Amino acid sequence: MLLTIAIILIVLWALGLITSSTMGGILHVLLVVAVIMIVLSLLQGRKTV
């Protein structure tokens, strides 16, 4: 689930850069949050339910 959210945040960040409709530092905050979520996901490993 974290990986999915991280991918969505990265896509939104990339779209913001492409369309040049930036809202200040919010897009960069989204990128940082997405990277942190990916790292946490990799460190925790995949858990089967």
N, C-alpha and C. Protein backbone atom coordinates (compact mmCIF):
# COMPACT_ATOMS: atom_id res chain seq x y z
N MET A 1 0.82 -1.19 0.00
CA MET A 1 0.00 0.00 0.00
C MET A 1 0.88 1.26 0.00
N LEU A 2 1.94 1.23 0.79
CA LEU A 2 2.85 2.38 0.81
C LEU A 2 3.47 2.61 -0.56
N LEU A 3 3.81 1.51 -1.23
CA LEU A 3 4.42 1.63 -2.55
C LEU A 3 3.45 2.26 -3.54
N THR A 4 2.19 1.91 -3.47
CA THR A 4 1.18 2.49 -4.36
C THR A 4 1.04 3.99 -4.13
N ILE A 5 0.98 4.39 -2.86
CA ILE A 5 0.87 5.81 -2.54
C ILE A 5 2.11 6.56 -3.01
N ALA A 6 3.27 5.95 -2.82
CA ALA A 6 4.52 6.58 -3.24
C ALA A 6 4.55 6.77 -4.76
N ILE A 7 4.10 5.78 -5.49
CA ILE A 7 4.08 5.89 -6.96
C ILE A 7 3.12 6.99 -7.39
N ILE A 8 1.97 7.07 -6.75
CA ILE A 8 1.00 8.12 -7.09
C ILE A 8 1.60 9.50 -6.82
N LEU A 9 2.28 9.65 -5.69
CA LEU A 9 2.90 10.94 -5.37
C LEU A 9 3.98 11.31 -6.38
N ILE A 10 4.77 10.33 -6.80
CA ILE A 10 5.82 10.60 -7.79
C ILE A 10 5.20 11.03 -9.11
N VAL A 11 4.12 10.36 -9.52
CA VAL A 11 3.45 10.71 -10.78
C VAL A 11 2.89 12.14 -10.70
N LEU A 12 2.25 12.47 -9.58
CA LEU A 12 1.70 13.82 -9.42
C LEU A 12 2.81 14.86 -9.43
N TRP A 13 3.94 14.55 -8.80
CA TRP A 13 5.07 15.47 -8.79
C TRP A 13 5.60 15.68 -10.21
N ALA A 14 5.74 14.59 -10.96
CA ALA A 14 6.24 14.68 -12.34
C ALA A 14 5.27 15.48 -13.21
N LEU A 15 3.98 15.27 -13.04
CA LEU A 15 3.00 16.04 -13.82
C LEU A 15 3.08 17.53 -13.49
N GLY A 16 3.32 17.84 -12.24
CA GLY A 16 3.47 19.24 -11.85
C GLY A 16 4.68 19.88 -12.50
N LEU A 17 5.77 19.12 -12.64
CA LEU A 17 6.96 19.66 -13.29
C LEU A 17 6.74 19.83 -14.80
N ILE A 18 6.04 18.88 -15.39
CA ILE A 18 5.82 18.91 -16.84
C ILE A 18 4.90 20.06 -17.22
N THR A 19 3.84 20.26 -16.46
CA THR A 19 2.87 21.30 -16.81
C THR A 19 3.29 22.68 -16.33
N SER A 20 4.34 22.75 -15.55
CA SER A 20 4.87 24.02 -15.03
C SER A 20 3.86 24.79 -14.19
N SER A 21 2.91 24.09 -13.64
CA SER A 21 1.95 24.75 -12.75
C SER A 21 2.32 24.39 -11.31
N THR A 22 3.44 24.92 -10.88
CA THR A 22 3.94 24.56 -9.55
C THR A 22 3.25 25.39 -8.48
N MET A 23 3.10 24.80 -7.32
CA MET A 23 2.47 25.49 -6.19
C MET A 23 3.52 25.71 -5.10
N GLY A 24 4.66 26.21 -5.48
CA GLY A 24 5.71 26.44 -4.49
C GLY A 24 6.45 25.16 -4.18
N GLY A 25 6.76 24.96 -2.91
CA GLY A 25 7.54 23.81 -2.50
C GLY A 25 6.73 22.56 -2.26
N ILE A 26 5.40 22.63 -2.46
CA ILE A 26 4.55 21.48 -2.17
C ILE A 26 4.92 20.27 -3.04
N LEU A 27 5.26 20.51 -4.29
CA LEU A 27 5.61 19.40 -5.18
C LEU A 27 6.88 18.70 -4.72
N HIS A 28 7.83 19.47 -4.23
CA HIS A 28 9.06 18.85 -3.75
C HIS A 28 8.82 18.10 -2.45
N VAL A 29 7.91 18.58 -1.65
CA VAL A 29 7.54 17.86 -0.43
C VAL A 29 6.90 16.53 -0.81
N LEU A 30 6.06 16.52 -1.84
CA LEU A 30 5.45 15.28 -2.31
C LEU A 30 6.52 14.28 -2.74
N LEU A 31 7.53 14.76 -3.45
CA LEU A 31 8.60 13.88 -3.89
C LEU A 31 9.35 13.29 -2.70
N VAL A 32 9.66 14.11 -1.73
CA VAL A 32 10.39 13.63 -0.55
C VAL A 32 9.55 12.60 0.20
N VAL A 33 8.26 12.85 0.36
CA VAL A 33 7.38 11.90 1.04
C VAL A 33 7.33 10.58 0.27
N ALA A 34 7.25 10.66 -1.04
CA ALA A 34 7.19 9.45 -1.86
C ALA A 34 8.48 8.64 -1.72
N VAL A 35 9.61 9.30 -1.74
CA VAL A 35 10.89 8.59 -1.61
C VAL A 35 11.00 7.95 -0.23
N ILE A 36 10.59 8.66 0.80
CA ILE A 36 10.64 8.11 2.16
C ILE A 36 9.74 6.88 2.26
N MET A 37 8.56 6.93 1.65
CA MET A 37 7.64 5.79 1.69
C MET A 37 8.23 4.58 0.97
N ILE A 38 8.89 4.82 -0.15
CA ILE A 38 9.51 3.71 -0.88
C ILE A 38 10.62 3.08 -0.04
N VAL A 39 11.44 3.92 0.58
CA VAL A 39 12.53 3.39 1.41
C VAL A 39 11.97 2.60 2.58
N LEU A 40 10.94 3.11 3.25
CA LEU A 40 10.33 2.38 4.35
C LEU A 40 9.75 1.05 3.88
N SER A 41 9.15 1.06 2.71
CA SER A 41 8.57 -0.17 2.17
C SER A 41 9.66 -1.19 1.90
N LEU A 42 10.78 -0.75 1.35
CA LEU A 42 11.87 -1.67 1.07
C LEU A 42 12.51 -2.21 2.35
N LEU A 43 12.62 -1.37 3.36
CA LEU A 43 13.22 -1.80 4.63
C LEU A 43 12.34 -2.79 5.37
N GLN A 44 11.02 -2.60 5.30
CA GLN A 44 10.09 -3.49 6.00
C GLN A 44 9.94 -4.81 5.26
N GLY A 45 10.13 -4.82 4.00
CA GLY A 45 9.97 -6.04 3.21
C GLY A 45 8.51 -6.31 2.94
N ARG A 46 8.27 -7.28 2.07
CA ARG A 46 6.88 -7.62 1.75
C ARG A 46 6.36 -8.63 2.78
N LYS A 47 5.18 -8.33 3.28
CA LYS A 47 4.56 -9.22 4.26
C LYS A 47 3.33 -9.85 3.62
N THR A 48 3.22 -11.17 3.76
CA THR A 48 2.05 -11.85 3.22
C THR A 48 0.97 -11.90 4.28
N VAL A 49 -0.26 -11.77 3.80
CA VAL A 49 -1.39 -11.75 4.73
C VAL A 49 -2.06 -13.11 4.71
